[in-house]
Amino acid sequence: MPVNNTIIRGKKIRPLRDHILVYDMKFGERVTKSGLILLDDDGKQRGIRPRWGKVMAVGPKQTDVEIGQWVLVAHGRWTRAIQYEIDGEIQEVRMADPNDILGVQNEEPVDDYVADTDTAESY
């Protein structure tokens, strides 16, 4: 697959309609506070999970989330990343599907939980 090294540079970007642009989504393996290594999406049920992203911009018709909040996006309901430079800092920006936002919070989430998919217990 070809690699695109294009970096888009700009001051501000405004999504259309109710679209949401996010950055700071975590991919790759994770390590819990106790040292457990959680593998990334392995194509199996246990590797598939929603991800948090920080809202960079919202469209003019978006009323549910605000810039700076963290949104939990259902697995795979985001676009591929583009490299976007703002004030000298490069971010990987993705568009999150506004219909698949599972939750929102103002503080950066702790993303080191492990859920057993074979039980109905919540964490």
PDB file of N, CA and C in Angstrom:
ATOM      1  N   MET A   1       0.841  -1.160   0.000  1.00  0.00           N
ATOM      2  CA  MET A   1       0.000   0.000   0.000  1.00  0.00           C
ATOM      3  C   MET A   1       0.899   1.239   0.000  1.00  0.00           C
ATOM      4  N   PRO A   2       0.634   2.225  -0.862  1.00  0.00           N
ATOM      5  CA  PRO A   2       1.474   3.402  -0.916  1.00  0.00           C
ATOM      6  C   PRO A   2       1.351   4.238   0.356  1.00  0.00           C
ATOM      7  N   VAL A   3       2.454   4.865   0.734  1.00  0.00           N
ATOM      8  CA  VAL A   3       2.479   5.710   1.916  1.00  0.00           C
ATOM      9  C   VAL A   3       2.341   7.154   1.472  1.00  0.00           C
ATOM     10  N   ASN A   4       1.434   7.870   2.106  1.00  0.00           N
ATOM     11  CA  ASN A   4       1.234   9.268   1.799  1.00  0.00           C
ATOM     12  C   ASN A   4       1.855  10.095   2.907  1.00  0.00           C
ATOM     13  N   ASN A   5       2.907  10.832   2.603  1.00  0.00           N
ATOM     14  CA  ASN A   5       3.604  11.639   3.592  1.00  0.00           C
ATOM     15  C   ASN A   5       3.187  13.095   3.538  1.00  0.00           C
ATOM     16  N   THR A   6       2.060  13.388   2.935  1.00  0.00           N
ATOM     17  CA  THR A   6       1.596  14.751   2.813  1.00  0.00           C
ATOM     18  C   THR A   6       1.153  15.285   4.165  1.00  0.00           C
ATOM     19  N   ILE A   7       1.588  16.470   4.483  1.00  0.00           N
ATOM     20  CA  ILE A   7       1.168  17.143   5.702  1.00  0.00           C
ATOM     21  C   ILE A   7       0.364  18.362   5.283  1.00  0.00           C
ATOM     22  N   ILE A   8      -0.843  18.465   5.786  1.00  0.00           N
ATOM     23  CA  ILE A   8      -1.689  19.623   5.505  1.00  0.00           C
ATOM     24  C   ILE A   8      -1.376  20.676   6.553  1.00  0.00           C
ATOM     25  N   ARG A   9      -1.113  21.875   6.107  1.00  0.00           N
ATOM     26  CA  ARG A   9      -0.782  22.965   7.018  1.00  0.00           C
ATOM     27  C   ARG A   9      -1.884  24.014   6.964  1.00  0.00           C
ATOM     28  N   GLY A  10      -2.231  24.522   8.105  1.00  0.00           N
ATOM     29  CA  GLY A  10      -3.260  25.538   8.145  1.00  0.00           C
ATOM     30  C   GLY A  10      -3.475  26.061   9.544  1.00  0.00           C
ATOM     31  N   LYS A  11      -4.253  27.094   9.622  1.00  0.00           N
ATOM     32  CA  LYS A  11      -4.562  27.688  10.921  1.00  0.00           C
ATOM     33  C   LYS A  11      -5.752  26.988  11.555  1.00  0.00           C
ATOM     34  N   LYS A  12      -6.853  26.940  10.850  1.00  0.00           N
ATOM     35  CA  LYS A  12      -8.070  26.323  11.384  1.00  0.00           C
ATOM     36  C   LYS A  12      -8.748  25.548  10.274  1.00  0.00           C
ATOM     37  N   ILE A  13      -9.439  24.518  10.672  1.00  0.00           N
ATOM     38  CA  ILE A  13     -10.225  23.747   9.734  1.00  0.00           C
ATOM     39  C   ILE A  13     -11.611  23.602  10.353  1.00  0.00           C
ATOM     40  N   ARG A  14     -12.625  23.756   9.544  1.00  0.00           N
ATOM     41  CA  ARG A  14     -13.992  23.654  10.037  1.00  0.00           C
ATOM     42  C   ARG A  14     -14.705  22.554   9.269  1.00  0.00           C
ATOM     43  N   PRO A  15     -15.126  21.498   9.956  1.00  0.00           N
ATOM     44  CA  PRO A  15     -15.860  20.438   9.280  1.00  0.00           C
ATOM     45  C   PRO A  15     -17.234  20.940   8.829  1.00  0.00           C
ATOM     46  N   LEU A  16     -17.812  20.261   7.888  1.00  0.00           N
ATOM     47  CA  LEU A  16     -19.135  20.596   7.395  1.00  0.00           C
ATOM     48  C   LEU A  16     -20.217  19.967   8.271  1.00  0.00           C
ATOM     49  N   ARG A  17     -21.404  20.519   8.202  1.00  0.00           N
ATOM     50  CA  ARG A  17     -22.606  20.015   8.866  1.00  0.00           C
ATOM     51  C   ARG A  17     -22.357  19.635  10.328  1.00  0.00           C
ATOM     52  N   ASP A  18     -22.625  18.390  10.703  1.00  0.00           N
ATOM     53  CA  ASP A  18     -22.452  17.963  12.097  1.00  0.00           C
ATOM     54  C   ASP A  18     -21.214  17.096  12.283  1.00  0.00           C
ATOM     55  N   HIS A  19     -20.281  17.172  11.365  1.00  0.00           N
ATOM     56  CA  HIS A  19     -19.091  16.319  11.430  1.00  0.00           C
ATOM     57  C   HIS A  19     -18.181  16.726  12.584  1.00  0.00           C
ATOM     58  N   ILE A  20     -17.371  15.754  13.012  1.00  0.00           N
ATOM     59  CA  ILE A  20     -16.483  15.940  14.157  1.00  0.00           C
ATOM     60  C   ILE A  20     -15.080  15.499  13.760  1.00  0.00           C
ATOM     61  N   LEU A  21     -14.086  16.353  13.972  1.00  0.00           N
ATOM     62  CA  LEU A  21     -12.683  15.987  13.755  1.00  0.00           C
ATOM     63  C   LEU A  21     -12.036  15.739  15.107  1.00  0.00           C
ATOM     64  N   VAL A  22     -11.326  14.614  15.226  1.00  0.00           N
ATOM     65  CA  VAL A  22     -10.671  14.254  16.479  1.00  0.00           C
ATOM     66  C   VAL A  22      -9.190  13.987  16.230  1.00  0.00           C
ATOM     67  N   TYR A  23      -8.417  14.072  17.283  1.00  0.00           N
ATOM     68  CA  TYR A  23      -7.006  13.710  17.243  1.00  0.00           C
ATOM     69  C   TYR A  23      -6.670  13.015  18.562  1.00  0.00           C
ATOM     70  N   ASP A  24      -5.455  12.603  18.694  1.00  0.00           N
ATOM     71  CA  ASP A  24      -4.965  11.944  19.908  1.00  0.00           C
ATOM     72  C   ASP A  24      -5.671  10.624  20.189  1.00  0.00           C
ATOM     73  N   MET A  25      -6.072   9.899  19.123  1.00  0.00           N
ATOM     74  CA  MET A  25      -6.617   8.547  19.308  1.00  0.00           C
ATOM     75  C   MET A  25      -5.441   7.603  19.530  1.00  0.00           C
ATOM     76  N   LYS A  26      -5.584   6.730  20.477  1.00  0.00           N
ATOM     77  CA  LYS A  26      -4.507   5.812  20.824  1.00  0.00           C
ATOM     78  C   LYS A  26      -4.643   4.505  20.052  1.00  0.00           C
ATOM     79  N   PHE A  27      -3.583   4.143  19.343  1.00  0.00           N
ATOM     80  CA  PHE A  27      -3.524   2.877  18.619  1.00  0.00           C
ATOM     81  C   PHE A  27      -2.265   2.150  19.074  1.00  0.00           C
ATOM     82  N   GLY A  28      -2.214   0.877  18.841  1.00  0.00           N
ATOM     83  CA  GLY A  28      -1.069   0.093  19.286  1.00  0.00           C
ATOM     84  C   GLY A  28      -1.354  -0.518  20.639  1.00  0.00           C
ATOM     85  N   GLU A  29      -0.381  -1.240  21.159  1.00  0.00           N
ATOM     86  CA  GLU A  29      -0.594  -1.904  22.437  1.00  0.00           C
ATOM     87  C   GLU A  29      -0.634  -0.876  23.563  1.00  0.00           C
ATOM     88  N   ARG A  30      -1.285  -1.254  24.648  1.00  0.00           N
ATOM     89  CA  ARG A  30      -1.389  -0.408  25.830  1.00  0.00           C
ATOM     90  C   ARG A  30      -0.815  -1.155  27.018  1.00  0.00           C
ATOM     91  N   VAL A  31      -0.359  -0.430  28.015  1.00  0.00           N
ATOM     92  CA  VAL A  31       0.168  -1.032  29.227  1.00  0.00           C
ATOM     93  C   VAL A  31      -0.617  -0.460  30.405  1.00  0.00           C
ATOM     94  N   THR A  32      -1.199  -1.340  31.218  1.00  0.00           N
ATOM     95  CA  THR A  32      -1.965  -0.887  32.379  1.00  0.00           C
ATOM     96  C   THR A  32      -1.008  -0.419  33.467  1.00  0.00           C
ATOM     97  N   LYS A  33      -1.576   0.232  34.478  1.00  0.00           N
ATOM     98  CA  LYS A  33      -0.765   0.704  35.602  1.00  0.00           C
ATOM     99  C   LYS A  33      -0.056  -0.448  36.305  1.00  0.00           C
ATOM    100  N   SER A  34      -0.659  -1.629  36.274  1.00  0.00           N
ATOM    101  CA  SER A  34      -0.047  -2.791  36.927  1.00  0.00           C
ATOM    102  C   SER A  34       0.954  -3.514  36.027  1.00  0.00           C
ATOM    103  N   GLY A  35       1.133  -3.019  34.777  1.00  0.00           N
ATOM    104  CA  GLY A  35       2.135  -3.598  33.897  1.00  0.00           C
ATOM    105  C   GLY A  35       1.630  -4.605  32.882  1.00  0.00           C
ATOM    106  N   LEU A  36       0.325  -4.846  32.838  1.00  0.00           N
ATOM    107  CA  LEU A  36      -0.217  -5.761  31.838  1.00  0.00           C
ATOM    108  C   LEU A  36      -0.152  -5.128  30.454  1.00  0.00           C
ATOM    109  N   ILE A  37       0.256  -5.894  29.472  1.00  0.00           N
ATOM    110  CA  ILE A  37       0.303  -5.408  28.097  1.00  0.00           C
ATOM    111  C   ILE A  37      -0.977  -5.827  27.395  1.00  0.00           C
ATOM    112  N   LEU A  38      -1.714  -4.833  26.889  1.00  0.00           N
ATOM    113  CA  LEU A  38      -2.958  -5.086  26.157  1.00  0.00           C
ATOM    114  C   LEU A  38      -2.660  -4.899  24.686  1.00  0.00           C
ATOM    115  N   LEU A  39      -2.819  -5.965  23.914  1.00  0.00           N
ATOM    116  CA  LEU A  39      -2.500  -5.904  22.498  1.00  0.00           C
ATOM    117  C   LEU A  39      -3.510  -5.040  21.752  1.00  0.00           C
ATOM    118  N   ASP A  40      -3.093  -4.544  20.602  1.00  0.00           N
ATOM    119  CA  ASP A  40      -3.958  -3.758  19.736  1.00  0.00           C
ATOM    120  C   ASP A  40      -4.975  -4.686  19.075  1.00  0.00           C
ATOM    121  N   ASP A  41      -5.840  -4.125  18.272  1.00  0.00           N
ATOM    122  CA  ASP A  41      -6.861  -4.884  17.543  1.00  0.00           C
ATOM    123  C   ASP A  41      -6.188  -6.040  16.824  1.00  0.00           C
ATOM    124  N   ASP A  42      -6.545  -7.264  17.219  1.00  0.00           N
ATOM    125  CA  ASP A  42      -5.946  -8.453  16.611  1.00  0.00           C
ATOM    126  C   ASP A  42      -6.903  -9.129  15.644  1.00  0.00           C
ATOM    127  N   GLY A  43      -8.003  -8.436  15.310  1.00  0.00           N
ATOM    128  CA  GLY A  43      -8.973  -9.008  14.389  1.00  0.00           C
ATOM    129  C   GLY A  43      -9.918  -9.992  15.042  1.00  0.00           C
ATOM    130  N   LYS A  44      -9.797 -10.147  16.347  1.00  0.00           N
ATOM    131  CA  LYS A  44     -10.682 -11.032  17.088  1.00  0.00           C
ATOM    132  C   LYS A  44     -11.562 -10.185  17.990  1.00  0.00           C
ATOM    133  N   GLN A  45     -12.587 -10.780  18.548  1.00  0.00           N
ATOM    134  CA  GLN A  45     -13.543 -10.037  19.350  1.00  0.00           C
ATOM    135  C   GLN A  45     -12.889  -9.277  20.498  1.00  0.00           C
ATOM    136  N   ARG A  46     -11.933  -9.882  21.166  1.00  0.00           N
ATOM    137  CA  ARG A  46     -11.311  -9.230  22.315  1.00  0.00           C
ATOM    138  C   ARG A  46     -10.408  -8.061  21.921  1.00  0.00           C
ATOM    139  N   GLY A  47      -9.967  -8.027  20.673  1.00  0.00           N
ATOM    140  CA  GLY A  47      -9.104  -6.924  20.244  1.00  0.00           C
ATOM    141  C   GLY A  47      -9.868  -5.747  19.686  1.00  0.00           C
ATOM    142  N   ILE A  48     -11.152  -5.923  19.453  1.00  0.00           N
ATOM    143  CA  ILE A  48     -11.962  -4.853  18.889  1.00  0.00           C
ATOM    144  C   ILE A  48     -12.546  -4.038  20.033  1.00  0.00           C
ATOM    145  N   ARG A  49     -12.340  -2.733  19.981  1.00  0.00           N
ATOM    146  CA  ARG A  49     -12.822  -1.883  21.068  1.00  0.00           C
ATOM    147  C   ARG A  49     -13.055  -0.462  20.570  1.00  0.00           C
ATOM    148  N   PRO A  50     -13.900   0.283  21.258  1.00  0.00           N
ATOM    149  CA  PRO A  50     -14.036   1.696  20.924  1.00  0.00           C
ATOM    150  C   PRO A  50     -12.776   2.448  21.347  1.00  0.00           C
ATOM    151  N   ARG A  51     -12.598   3.626  20.823  1.00  0.00           N
ATOM    152  CA  ARG A  51     -11.414   4.426  21.158  1.00  0.00           C
ATOM    153  C   ARG A  51     -11.829   5.851  21.476  1.00  0.00           C
ATOM    154  N   TRP A  52     -11.020   6.467  22.327  1.00  0.00           N
ATOM    155  CA  TRP A  52     -11.234   7.860  22.692  1.00  0.00           C
ATOM    156  C   TRP A  52     -10.476   8.757  21.719  1.00  0.00           C
ATOM    157  N   GLY A  53     -11.043   9.911  21.432  1.00  0.00           N
ATOM    158  CA  GLY A  53     -10.371  10.925  20.631  1.00  0.00           C
ATOM    159  C   GLY A  53     -10.704  12.295  21.176  1.00  0.00           C
ATOM    160  N   LYS A  54      -9.768  13.212  21.083  1.00  0.00           N
ATOM    161  CA  LYS A  54      -9.992  14.580  21.551  1.00  0.00           C
ATOM    162  C   LYS A  54     -10.559  15.405  20.400  1.00  0.00           C
ATOM    163  N   VAL A  55     -11.625  16.141  20.654  1.00  0.00           N
ATOM    164  CA  VAL A  55     -12.298  16.907  19.618  1.00  0.00           C
ATOM    165  C   VAL A  55     -11.453  18.121  19.240  1.00  0.00           C
ATOM    166  N   MET A  56     -11.100  18.180  17.955  1.00  0.00           N
ATOM    167  CA  MET A  56     -10.306  19.296  17.431  1.00  0.00           C
ATOM    168  C   MET A  56     -11.207  20.363  16.814  1.00  0.00           C
ATOM    169  N   ALA A  57     -12.264  19.918  16.127  1.00  0.00           N
ATOM    170  CA  ALA A  57     -13.167  20.848  15.460  1.00  0.00           C
ATOM    171  C   ALA A  57     -14.519  20.190  15.269  1.00  0.00           C
ATOM    172  N   VAL A  58     -15.565  21.001  15.239  1.00  0.00           N
ATOM    173  CA  VAL A  58     -16.915  20.512  15.002  1.00  0.00           C
ATOM    174  C   VAL A  58     -17.582  21.364  13.939  1.00  0.00           C
ATOM    175  N   GLY A  59     -18.493  20.748  13.203  1.00  0.00           N
ATOM    176  CA  GLY A  59     -19.256  21.456  12.187  1.00  0.00           C
ATOM    177  C   GLY A  59     -20.291  22.375  12.820  1.00  0.00           C
ATOM    178  N   PRO A  60     -20.830  23.303  12.050  1.00  0.00           N
ATOM    179  CA  PRO A  60     -21.769  24.294  12.594  1.00  0.00           C
ATOM    180  C   PRO A  60     -23.087  23.699  13.097  1.00  0.00           C
ATOM    181  N   LYS A  61     -23.445  22.513  12.660  1.00  0.00           N
ATOM    182  CA  LYS A  61     -24.699  21.895  13.099  1.00  0.00           C
ATOM    183  C   LYS A  61     -24.499  20.871  14.223  1.00  0.00           C
ATOM    184  N   GLN A  62     -23.281  20.727  14.705  1.00  0.00           N
ATOM    185  CA  GLN A  62     -22.992  19.773  15.777  1.00  0.00           C
ATOM    186  C   GLN A  62     -23.339  20.424  17.118  1.00  0.00           C
ATOM    187  N   THR A  63     -24.261  19.816  17.859  1.00  0.00           N
ATOM    188  CA  THR A  63     -24.692  20.381  19.143  1.00  0.00           C
ATOM    189  C   THR A  63     -24.371  19.487  20.335  1.00  0.00           C
ATOM    190  N   ASP A  64     -23.863  18.280  20.084  1.00  0.00           N
ATOM    191  CA  ASP A  64     -23.648  17.328  21.171  1.00  0.00           C
ATOM    192  C   ASP A  64     -22.265  17.400  21.803  1.00  0.00           C
ATOM    193  N   VAL A  65     -21.266  17.813  21.049  1.00  0.00           N
ATOM    194  CA  VAL A  65     -19.903  17.848  21.581  1.00  0.00           C
ATOM    195  C   VAL A  65     -19.275  19.211  21.289  1.00  0.00           C
ATOM    196  N   GLU A  66     -18.247  19.518  22.071  1.00  0.00           N
ATOM    197  CA  GLU A  66     -17.542  20.786  21.928  1.00  0.00           C
ATOM    198  C   GLU A  66     -16.057  20.535  21.737  1.00  0.00           C
ATOM    199  N   ILE A  67     -15.386  21.504  21.163  1.00  0.00           N
ATOM    200  CA  ILE A  67     -13.934  21.429  20.984  1.00  0.00           C
ATOM    201  C   ILE A  67     -13.273  21.264  22.350  1.00  0.00           C
ATOM    202  N   GLY A  68     -12.307  20.351  22.411  1.00  0.00           N
ATOM    203  CA  GLY A  68     -11.577  20.099  23.647  1.00  0.00           C
ATOM    204  C   GLY A  68     -12.113  18.942  24.466  1.00  0.00           C
ATOM    205  N   GLN A  69     -13.333  18.500  24.207  1.00  0.00           N
ATOM    206  CA  GLN A  69     -13.876  17.354  24.923  1.00  0.00           C
ATOM    207  C   GLN A  69     -13.304  16.059  24.354  1.00  0.00           C
ATOM    208  N   TRP A  70     -13.450  14.981  25.097  1.00  0.00           N
ATOM    209  CA  TRP A  70     -13.046  13.652  24.665  1.00  0.00           C
ATOM    210  C   TRP A  70     -14.290  12.866  24.309  1.00  0.00           C
ATOM    211  N   VAL A  71     -14.281  12.193  23.158  1.00  0.00           N
ATOM    212  CA  VAL A  71     -15.423  11.388  22.727  1.00  0.00           C
ATOM    213  C   VAL A  71     -14.992   9.935  22.578  1.00  0.00           C
ATOM    214  N   LEU A  72     -15.885   9.031  22.948  1.00  0.00           N
ATOM    215  CA  LEU A  72     -15.659   7.601  22.788  1.00  0.00           C
ATOM    216  C   LEU A  72     -16.370   7.178  21.509  1.00  0.00           C
ATOM    217  N   VAL A  73     -15.595   6.704  20.535  1.00  0.00           N
ATOM    218  CA  VAL A  73     -16.114   6.391  19.209  1.00  0.00           C
ATOM    219  C   VAL A  73     -16.164   4.874  19.034  1.00  0.00           C
ATOM    220  N   ALA A  74     -17.292   4.377  18.544  1.00  0.00           N
ATOM    221  CA  ALA A  74     -17.447   2.943  18.305  1.00  0.00           C
ATOM    222  C   ALA A  74     -16.337   2.445  17.383  1.00  0.00           C
ATOM    223  N   HIS A  75     -15.939   1.200  17.571  1.00  0.00           N
ATOM    224  CA  HIS A  75     -14.815   0.629  16.823  1.00  0.00           C
ATOM    225  C   HIS A  75     -14.980   0.807  15.312  1.00  0.00           C
ATOM    226  N   GLY A  76     -13.958   1.378  14.694  1.00  0.00           N
ATOM    227  CA  GLY A  76     -13.903   1.504  13.244  1.00  0.00           C
ATOM    228  C   GLY A  76     -14.754   2.610  12.659  1.00  0.00           C
ATOM    229  N   ARG A  77     -15.368   3.435  13.483  1.00  0.00           N
ATOM    230  CA  ARG A  77     -16.250   4.488  12.987  1.00  0.00           C
ATOM    231  C   ARG A  77     -15.514   5.820  12.884  1.00  0.00           C
ATOM    232  N   TRP A  78     -14.300   5.747  12.339  1.00  0.00           N
ATOM    233  CA  TRP A  78     -13.482   6.921  12.087  1.00  0.00           C
ATOM    234  C   TRP A  78     -12.768   6.711  10.761  1.00  0.00           C
ATOM    235  N   THR A  79     -12.296   7.805  10.185  1.00  0.00           N
ATOM    236  CA  THR A  79     -11.577   7.714   8.914  1.00  0.00           C
ATOM    237  C   THR A  79     -10.108   7.456   9.171  1.00  0.00           C
ATOM    238  N   ARG A  80      -9.384   7.194   8.091  1.00  0.00           N
ATOM    239  CA  ARG A  80      -7.931   7.131   8.205  1.00  0.00           C
ATOM    240  C   ARG A  80      -7.412   8.507   8.584  1.00  0.00           C
ATOM    241  N   ALA A  81      -6.249   8.531   9.170  1.00  0.00           N
ATOM    242  CA  ALA A  81      -5.691   9.803   9.650  1.00  0.00           C
ATOM    243  C   ALA A  81      -5.058  10.601   8.523  1.00  0.00           C
ATOM    244  N   ILE A  82      -5.139  11.910   8.673  1.00  0.00           N
ATOM    245  CA  ILE A  82      -4.353  12.817   7.843  1.00  0.00           C
ATOM    246  C   ILE A  82      -3.404  13.542   8.784  1.00  0.00           C
ATOM    247  N   GLN A  83      -2.256  13.877   8.276  1.00  0.00           N
ATOM    248  CA  GLN A  83      -1.285  14.640   9.057  1.00  0.00           C
ATOM    249  C   GLN A  83      -1.656  16.112   8.921  1.00  0.00           C
ATOM    250  N   TYR A  84      -1.925  16.779  10.031  1.00  0.00           N
ATOM    251  CA  TYR A  84      -2.360  18.168  10.006  1.00  0.00           C
ATOM    252  C   TYR A  84      -1.467  18.963  10.945  1.00  0.00           C
ATOM    253  N   GLU A  85      -0.861  20.018  10.433  1.00  0.00           N
ATOM    254  CA  GLU A  85       0.048  20.834  11.238  1.00  0.00           C
ATOM    255  C   GLU A  85      -0.654  22.111  11.654  1.00  0.00           C
ATOM    256  N   ILE A  86      -0.650  22.339  12.955  1.00  0.00           N
ATOM    257  CA  ILE A  86      -1.210  23.567  13.509  1.00  0.00           C
ATOM    258  C   ILE A  86      -0.162  24.185  14.422  1.00  0.00           C
ATOM    259  N   ASP A  87       0.227  25.410  14.112  1.00  0.00           N
ATOM    260  CA  ASP A  87       1.221  26.132  14.919  1.00  0.00           C
ATOM    261  C   ASP A  87       2.480  25.298  15.158  1.00  0.00           C
ATOM    262  N   GLY A  88       2.957  24.617  14.120  1.00  0.00           N
ATOM    263  CA  GLY A  88       4.198  23.866  14.196  1.00  0.00           C
ATOM    264  C   GLY A  88       4.077  22.478  14.786  1.00  0.00           C
ATOM    265  N   GLU A  89       2.909  22.087  15.245  1.00  0.00           N
ATOM    266  CA  GLU A  89       2.710  20.763  15.830  1.00  0.00           C
ATOM    267  C   GLU A  89       1.902  19.903  14.862  1.00  0.00           C
ATOM    268  N   ILE A  90       2.397  18.702  14.580  1.00  0.00           N
ATOM    269  CA  ILE A  90       1.717  17.793  13.655  1.00  0.00           C
ATOM    270  C   ILE A  90       0.835  16.835  14.454  1.00  0.00           C
ATOM    271  N   GLN A  91      -0.437  16.751  14.049  1.00  0.00           N
ATOM    272  CA  GLN A  91      -1.399  15.863  14.686  1.00  0.00           C
ATOM    273  C   GLN A  91      -1.958  14.903  13.645  1.00  0.00           C
ATOM    274  N   GLU A  92      -2.317  13.710  14.065  1.00  0.00           N
ATOM    275  CA  GLU A  92      -3.046  12.784  13.206  1.00  0.00           C
ATOM    276  C   GLU A  92      -4.528  13.039  13.448  1.00  0.00           C
ATOM    277  N   VAL A  93      -5.194  13.583  12.438  1.00  0.00           N
ATOM    278  CA  VAL A  93      -6.590  13.991  12.564  1.00  0.00           C
ATOM    279  C   VAL A  93      -7.475  12.999  11.813  1.00  0.00           C
ATOM    280  N   ARG A  94      -8.588  12.642  12.431  1.00  0.00           N
ATOM    281  CA  ARG A  94      -9.559  11.727  11.836  1.00  0.00           C
ATOM    282  C   ARG A  94     -10.953  12.330  11.973  1.00  0.00           C
ATOM    283  N   MET A  95     -11.845  11.953  11.065  1.00  0.00           N
ATOM    284  CA  MET A  95     -13.238  12.334  11.219  1.00  0.00           C
ATOM    285  C   MET A  95     -13.955  11.178  11.904  1.00  0.00           C
ATOM    286  N   ALA A  96     -14.637  11.476  13.003  1.00  0.00           N
ATOM    287  CA  ALA A  96     -15.410  10.474  13.732  1.00  0.00           C
ATOM    288  C   ALA A  96     -16.864  10.569  13.291  1.00  0.00           C
ATOM    289  N   ASP A  97     -17.508   9.431  13.137  1.00  0.00           N
ATOM    290  CA  ASP A  97     -18.907   9.398  12.742  1.00  0.00           C
ATOM    291  C   ASP A  97     -19.760   9.921  13.898  1.00  0.00           C
ATOM    292  N   PRO A  98     -20.465  11.038  13.715  1.00  0.00           N
ATOM    293  CA  PRO A  98     -21.245  11.599  14.819  1.00  0.00           C
ATOM    294  C   PRO A  98     -22.363  10.681  15.288  1.00  0.00           C
ATOM    295  N   ASN A  99     -22.797   9.755  14.457  1.00  0.00           N
ATOM    296  CA  ASN A  99     -23.851   8.816  14.852  1.00  0.00           C
ATOM    297  C   ASN A  99     -23.320   7.682  15.708  1.00  0.00           C
ATOM    298  N   ASP A 100     -22.000   7.556  15.817  1.00  0.00           N
ATOM    299  CA  ASP A 100     -21.403   6.468  16.590  1.00  0.00           C
ATOM    300  C   ASP A 100     -20.538   6.963  17.740  1.00  0.00           C
ATOM    301  N   ILE A 101     -20.893   8.127  18.280  1.00  0.00           N
ATOM    302  CA  ILE A 101     -20.250   8.618  19.495  1.00  0.00           C
ATOM    303  C   ILE A 101     -20.972   7.958  20.666  1.00  0.00           C
ATOM    304  N   LEU A 102     -20.245   7.185  21.443  1.00  0.00           N
ATOM    305  CA  LEU A 102     -20.845   6.439  22.551  1.00  0.00           C
ATOM    306  C   LEU A 102     -20.922   7.251  23.831  1.00  0.00           C
ATOM    307  N   GLY A 103     -20.040   8.230  23.964  1.00  0.00           N
ATOM    308  CA  GLY A 103     -20.029   9.043  25.175  1.00  0.00           C
ATOM    309  C   GLY A 103     -19.074  10.205  25.017  1.00  0.00           C
ATOM    310  N   VAL A 104     -19.148  11.116  25.955  1.00  0.00           N
ATOM    311  CA  VAL A 104     -18.314  12.309  25.927  1.00  0.00           C
ATOM    312  C   VAL A 104     -17.929  12.671  27.361  1.00  0.00           C
ATOM    313  N   GLN A 105     -16.723  13.185  27.539  1.00  0.00           N
ATOM    314  CA  GLN A 105     -16.304  13.686  28.846  1.00  0.00           C
ATOM    315  C   GLN A 105     -15.304  14.807  28.657  1.00  0.00           C
ATOM    316  N   ASN A 106     -15.133  15.606  29.700  1.00  0.00           N
ATOM    317  CA  ASN A 106     -14.251  16.769  29.615  1.00  0.00           C
ATOM    318  C   ASN A 106     -12.800  16.446  29.964  1.00  0.00           C
ATOM    319  N   GLU A 107     -12.581  15.420  30.776  1.00  0.00           N
ATOM    320  CA  GLU A 107     -11.229  15.062  31.200  1.00  0.00           C
ATOM    321  C   GLU A 107     -10.654  13.979  30.290  1.00  0.00           C
ATOM    322  N   GLU A 108      -9.335  13.957  30.197  1.00  0.00           N
ATOM    323  CA  GLU A 108      -8.699  12.894  29.414  1.00  0.00           C
ATOM    324  C   GLU A 108      -9.004  11.548  30.065  1.00  0.00           C
ATOM    325  N   PRO A 109      -9.501  10.582  29.275  1.00  0.00           N
ATOM    326  CA  PRO A 109      -9.899   9.295  29.851  1.00  0.00           C
ATOM    327  C   PRO A 109      -8.706   8.411  30.198  1.00  0.00           C
ATOM    328  N   VAL A 110      -8.929   7.517  31.147  1.00  0.00           N
ATOM    329  CA  VAL A 110      -7.978   6.455  31.450  1.00  0.00           C
ATOM    330  C   VAL A 110      -8.378   5.296  30.552  1.00  0.00           C
ATOM    331  N   ASP A 111      -7.475   4.854  29.702  1.00  0.00           N
ATOM    332  CA  ASP A 111      -7.827   3.859  28.692  1.00  0.00           C
ATOM    333  C   ASP A 111      -7.035   2.573  28.904  1.00  0.00           C
ATOM    334  N   ASP A 112      -7.077   2.044  30.132  1.00  0.00           N
ATOM    335  CA  ASP A 112      -6.315   0.831  30.403  1.00  0.00           C
ATOM    336  C   ASP A 112      -7.185  -0.269  31.000  1.00  0.00           C
ATOM    337  N   TYR A 113      -8.476  -0.218  30.748  1.00  0.00           N
ATOM    338  CA  TYR A 113      -9.362  -1.237  31.289  1.00  0.00           C
ATOM    339  C   TYR A 113      -9.328  -2.492  30.427  1.00  0.00           C
ATOM    340  N   VAL A 114      -9.681  -3.602  31.044  1.00  0.00           N
ATOM    341  CA  VAL A 114      -9.801  -4.868  30.335  1.00  0.00           C
ATOM    342  C   VAL A 114     -11.176  -5.421  30.657  1.00  0.00           C
ATOM    343  N   ALA A 115     -11.943  -5.748  29.634  1.00  0.00           N
ATOM    344  CA  ALA A 115     -13.268  -6.329  29.852  1.00  0.00           C
ATOM    345  C   ALA A 115     -13.264  -7.747  29.325  1.00  0.00           C
ATOM    346  N   ASP A 116     -13.857  -8.645  30.077  1.00  0.00           N
ATOM    347  CA  ASP A 116     -14.008 -10.023  29.632  1.00  0.00           C
ATOM    348  C   ASP A 116     -15.238 -10.083  28.745  1.00  0.00           C
ATOM    349  N   THR A 117     -15.051 -10.345  27.468  1.00  0.00           N
ATOM    350  CA  THR A 117     -16.166 -10.335  26.529  1.00  0.00           C
ATOM    351  C   THR A 117     -17.074 -11.548  26.680  1.00  0.00           C
ATOM    352  N   ASP A 118     -16.683 -12.521  27.488  1.00  0.00           N
ATOM    353  CA  ASP A 118     -17.499 -13.716  27.670  1.00  0.00           C
ATOM    354  C   ASP A 118     -18.521 -13.571  28.784  1.00  0.00           C
ATOM    355  N   THR A 119     -18.486 -12.442  29.527  1.00  0.00           N
ATOM    356  CA  THR A 119     -19.437 -12.244  30.604  1.00  0.00           C
ATOM    357  C   THR A 119     -20.216 -10.963  30.345  1.00  0.00           C
ATOM    358  N   ALA A 120     -21.315 -10.822  31.046  1.00  0.00           N
ATOM    359  CA  ALA A 120     -22.153  -9.635  30.872  1.00  0.00           C
ATOM    360  C   ALA A 120     -21.847  -8.588  31.931  1.00  0.00           C
ATOM    361  N   GLU A 121     -20.804  -8.776  32.722  1.00  0.00           N
ATOM    362  CA  GLU A 121     -20.478  -7.823  33.768  1.00  0.00           C
ATOM    363  C   GLU A 121     -19.982  -6.524  33.164  1.00  0.00           C
ATOM    364  N   SER A 122     -20.328  -5.437  33.786  1.00  0.00           N
ATOM    365  CA  SER A 122     -19.806  -4.143  33.336  1.00  0.00           C
ATOM    366  C   SER A 122     -18.626  -3.756  34.222  1.00  0.00           C
ATOM    367  N   TYR A 123     -17.815  -2.856  33.749  1.00  0.00           N
ATOM    368  CA  TYR A 123     -16.654  -2.442  34.524  1.00  0.00           C
ATOM    369  C   TYR A 123     -16.829  -1.036  34.976  1.00  0.00           C
TER     370      TYR A 123
END
